[in-house]
């Protein structure tokens, strides 16, 4: 069972990443997550709405 709006969220995520190499996107997210954690914030990623 998927959450309501999960399909819309997936389409939005795909559009947001259009033209960006998946490896570059993953690296950028990881770097930003580490920056947040280094500044004392919560660097954990939220659970996926598509699960």
Protein backbone atom coordinates (compact mmCIF):
# COMPACT_ATOMS: atom_id res chain seq x y z
CA UNK A 1 0.00 0.00 0.00
CA UNK A 2 1.31 3.45 -0.86
CA UNK A 3 0.61 6.73 0.82
CA UNK A 4 -1.91 9.09 -0.78
CA UNK A 5 -0.11 11.39 -3.20
CA UNK A 6 2.93 9.12 -3.45
CA UNK A 7 2.62 9.02 -7.24
CA UNK A 8 2.56 12.81 -7.37
CA UNK A 9 5.62 12.99 -5.09
CA UNK A 10 7.49 10.57 -7.34
CA UNK A 11 6.69 12.60 -10.48
CA UNK A 12 7.82 15.79 -8.71
CA UNK A 13 11.08 14.14 -7.64
CA UNK A 14 11.76 12.93 -11.19
CA UNK A 15 11.16 16.40 -12.64
CA UNK A 16 13.33 18.01 -9.98
CA UNK A 17 16.26 15.74 -10.95
CA UNK A 18 15.78 16.00 -14.71
CA UNK A 19 19.12 16.45 -16.46
CA UNK A 20 21.15 15.71 -13.32
CA UNK A 21 23.28 12.59 -13.25
CA UNK A 22 22.02 10.30 -10.44
CA UNK A 23 25.53 9.93 -9.01
CA UNK A 24 25.96 13.73 -8.88
CA UNK A 25 22.57 14.11 -7.22
CA UNK A 26 23.38 11.47 -4.59
CA UNK A 27 26.77 13.06 -3.87
CA UNK A 28 25.21 16.50 -3.45
CA UNK A 29 22.52 15.22 -1.08
CA UNK A 30 25.15 13.43 0.99
CA UNK A 31 27.37 16.52 1.21
CA UNK A 32 24.45 18.75 2.23
CA UNK A 33 23.34 16.18 4.82
CA UNK A 34 26.85 16.19 6.31
CA UNK A 35 26.96 20.00 6.38
CA UNK A 36 23.68 20.09 8.30
CA UNK A 37 24.97 17.47 10.75
CA UNK A 38 28.28 19.32 11.19
CA UNK A 39 26.35 22.46 12.11
CA UNK A 40 24.46 20.60 14.82
CA UNK A 41 21.31 19.82 12.89
CA UNK A 42 19.64 16.52 12.13
CA UNK A 43 21.47 15.12 9.10
CA UNK A 44 19.33 11.98 8.92
CA UNK A 45 17.26 11.56 5.79
CA UNK A 46 13.49 11.17 6.23
CA UNK A 47 11.84 7.93 5.24
CA UNK A 48 10.66 7.76 1.65
CA UNK A 49 6.99 8.65 1.03
CA UNK A 50 6.96 6.05 -1.74
CA UNK A 51 7.41 3.04 0.59
